[in-house]
Amino acid sequence: MAAPNFKLEGDQKRPTQKQEVRYILKARQRAVSVAEAGVDTVEEGIASLARSTYQRSSATTHASTDATEVKRLKNYVDALLVELLEIRA
């Protein structure tokens, strides 16, 4: 990511998932008309949702899971893809 003013968080060697999500949203100019504070709040929320969906997917993959949980997780993934990649499920 060669974005202006970009800095890795802490002692990271690569961008965090949160930073990657923020980059995607800014690149797509998703919140052009929203105040900067509002943009930060939205970006933080989407980044948090992406991270928790990843963690939940990982836990679901490595444990016994029922169909209801898998369907619920698929809905979260669909929502993230729609928002981040503009893919319509």
C-alpha atoms as a PDB file:
ATOM      1  CA  MET A   1       0.000   0.000   0.000  1.00  0.00           C
ATOM      2  CA  ALA A   2       1.711   3.146  -1.151  1.00  0.00           C
ATOM      3  CA  ALA A   3      -0.801   5.637   0.192  1.00  0.00           C
ATOM      4  CA  PRO A   4       0.235   9.131   1.290  1.00  0.00           C
ATOM      5  CA  ASN A   5       0.907   9.437   5.027  1.00  0.00           C
ATOM      6  CA  PHE A   6       0.611   5.650   5.488  1.00  0.00           C
ATOM      7  CA  LYS A   7       2.304   4.125   8.542  1.00  0.00           C
ATOM      8  CA  LEU A   8       2.233   0.545   9.776  1.00  0.00           C
ATOM      9  CA  GLU A   9       0.645   0.086  13.192  1.00  0.00           C
ATOM     10  CA  GLY A  10       3.035  -0.629  16.041  1.00  0.00           C
ATOM     11  CA  ASP A  11       5.733  -3.146  15.156  1.00  0.00           C
ATOM     12  CA  GLN A  12       3.782  -4.714  12.273  1.00  0.00           C
ATOM     13  CA  LYS A  13       5.644  -5.765   9.149  1.00  0.00           C
ATOM     14  CA  ARG A  14       2.562  -5.507   6.923  1.00  0.00           C
ATOM     15  CA  PRO A  15      -0.749  -3.633   7.070  1.00  0.00           C
ATOM     16  CA  THR A  16      -3.326  -4.940   9.521  1.00  0.00           C
ATOM     17  CA  GLN A  17      -6.736  -6.070   8.288  1.00  0.00           C
ATOM     18  CA  LYS A  18      -8.150  -2.857   9.702  1.00  0.00           C
ATOM     19  CA  GLN A  19      -5.692  -0.791   7.651  1.00  0.00           C
ATOM     20  CA  GLU A  20      -6.446  -2.820   4.526  1.00  0.00           C
ATOM     21  CA  VAL A  21     -10.194  -2.253   4.912  1.00  0.00           C
ATOM     22  CA  ARG A  22      -9.680   1.481   5.460  1.00  0.00           C
ATOM     23  CA  TYR A  23      -7.527   1.628   2.330  1.00  0.00           C
ATOM     24  CA  ILE A  24     -10.187  -0.119   0.228  1.00  0.00           C
ATOM     25  CA  LEU A  25     -12.914   2.211   1.481  1.00  0.00           C
ATOM     26  CA  LYS A  26     -10.857   5.330   0.842  1.00  0.00           C
ATOM     27  CA  ALA A  27      -9.826   4.090  -2.597  1.00  0.00           C
ATOM     28  CA  ARG A  28     -13.481   3.650  -3.514  1.00  0.00           C
ATOM     29  CA  GLN A  29     -14.384   7.058  -2.047  1.00  0.00           C
ATOM     30  CA  ARG A  30     -17.388   5.485  -0.328  1.00  0.00           C
ATOM     31  CA  ALA A  31     -18.130   8.339   2.042  1.00  0.00           C
ATOM     32  CA  VAL A  32     -17.267  11.479   0.088  1.00  0.00           C
ATOM     33  CA  SER A  33     -20.138  13.591   1.427  1.00  0.00           C
ATOM     34  CA  VAL A  34     -19.844  12.500   5.077  1.00  0.00           C
ATOM     35  CA  ALA A  35     -17.922  14.518   7.669  1.00  0.00           C
ATOM     36  CA  GLU A  36     -14.428  13.158   8.419  1.00  0.00           C
ATOM     37  CA  ALA A  37     -15.377  12.079  11.953  1.00  0.00           C
ATOM     38  CA  GLY A  38     -18.285  10.117  10.521  1.00  0.00           C
ATOM     39  CA  VAL A  39     -16.023   8.494   7.937  1.00  0.00           C
ATOM     40  CA  ASP A  40     -13.662   7.362  10.674  1.00  0.00           C
ATOM     41  CA  THR A  41     -16.545   5.857  12.627  1.00  0.00           C
ATOM     42  CA  VAL A  42     -17.873   3.991   9.603  1.00  0.00           C
ATOM     43  CA  GLU A  43     -14.401   2.771   8.627  1.00  0.00           C
ATOM     44  CA  GLU A  44     -13.710   1.573  12.164  1.00  0.00           C
ATOM     45  CA  GLY A  45     -17.028  -0.287  12.246  1.00  0.00           C
ATOM     46  CA  ILE A  46     -16.487  -2.020   8.911  1.00  0.00           C
ATOM     47  CA  ALA A  47     -12.892  -2.889   9.802  1.00  0.00           C
ATOM     48  CA  SER A  48     -14.078  -4.323  13.106  1.00  0.00           C
ATOM     49  CA  LEU A  49     -16.810  -6.332  11.375  1.00  0.00           C
ATOM     50  CA  ALA A  50     -14.281  -7.694   8.873  1.00  0.00           C
ATOM     51  CA  ARG A  51     -11.928  -8.760  11.673  1.00  0.00           C
ATOM     52  CA  SER A  52     -14.638 -10.386  13.792  1.00  0.00           C
ATOM     53  CA  THR A  53     -16.033 -12.184  10.724  1.00  0.00           C
ATOM     54  CA  TYR A  54     -12.555 -13.530  10.010  1.00  0.00           C
ATOM     55  CA  GLN A  55     -12.168 -14.712  13.616  1.00  0.00           C
ATOM     56  CA  ARG A  56     -15.617 -16.285  13.634  1.00  0.00           C
ATOM     57  CA  SER A  57     -14.929 -18.011  10.292  1.00  0.00           C
ATOM     58  CA  SER A  58     -11.705 -19.413  11.645  1.00  0.00           C
ATOM     59  CA  ALA A  59     -13.399 -20.735  14.775  1.00  0.00           C
ATOM     60  CA  THR A  60     -16.233 -22.226  12.710  1.00  0.00           C
ATOM     61  CA  THR A  61     -13.761 -23.940  10.395  1.00  0.00           C
ATOM     62  CA  HIS A  62     -11.894 -25.620  13.242  1.00  0.00           C
ATOM     63  CA  ALA A  63     -14.869 -26.700  15.354  1.00  0.00           C
ATOM     64  CA  SER A  64     -18.044 -28.673  14.986  1.00  0.00           C
ATOM     65  CA  THR A  65     -20.660 -26.255  13.650  1.00  0.00           C
ATOM     66  CA  ASP A  66     -24.335 -26.559  12.782  1.00  0.00           C
ATOM     67  CA  ALA A  67     -25.917 -25.364   9.544  1.00  0.00           C
ATOM     68  CA  THR A  68     -27.560 -22.355  11.218  1.00  0.00           C
ATOM     69  CA  GLU A  69     -24.181 -20.929  12.261  1.00  0.00           C
ATOM     70  CA  VAL A  70     -22.716 -21.505   8.793  1.00  0.00           C
ATOM     71  CA  LYS A  71     -25.663 -19.700   7.160  1.00  0.00           C
ATOM     72  CA  ARG A  72     -25.340 -16.802   9.615  1.00  0.00           C
ATOM     73  CA  LEU A  73     -21.621 -16.526   8.878  1.00  0.00           C
ATOM     74  CA  LYS A  74     -22.305 -16.577   5.125  1.00  0.00           C
ATOM     75  CA  ASN A  75     -24.644 -13.607   5.573  1.00  0.00           C
ATOM     76  CA  TYR A  76     -21.866 -11.657   7.324  1.00  0.00           C
ATOM     77  CA  VAL A  77     -19.398 -12.497   4.553  1.00  0.00           C
ATOM     78  CA  ASP A  78     -21.942 -11.482   1.901  1.00  0.00           C
ATOM     79  CA  ALA A  79     -22.453  -8.136   3.649  1.00  0.00           C
ATOM     80  CA  LEU A  80     -18.715  -7.468   3.750  1.00  0.00           C
ATOM     81  CA  LEU A  81     -18.250  -8.363   0.083  1.00  0.00           C
ATOM     82  CA  VAL A  82     -21.088  -6.061  -0.908  1.00  0.00           C
ATOM     83  CA  GLU A  83     -19.571  -3.177   1.062  1.00  0.00           C
ATOM     84  CA  LEU A  84     -15.885  -3.660   0.321  1.00  0.00           C
ATOM     85  CA  LEU A  85     -15.875  -5.063  -3.197  1.00  0.00           C
ATOM     86  CA  GLU A  86     -19.246  -3.857  -4.386  1.00  0.00           C
ATOM     87  CA  ILE A  87     -20.230  -7.448  -5.194  1.00  0.00           C
ATOM     88  CA  ARG A  88     -23.962  -8.087  -5.138  1.00  0.00           C
ATOM     89  CA  ALA A  89     -24.894 -11.391  -3.503  1.00  0.00           C
END
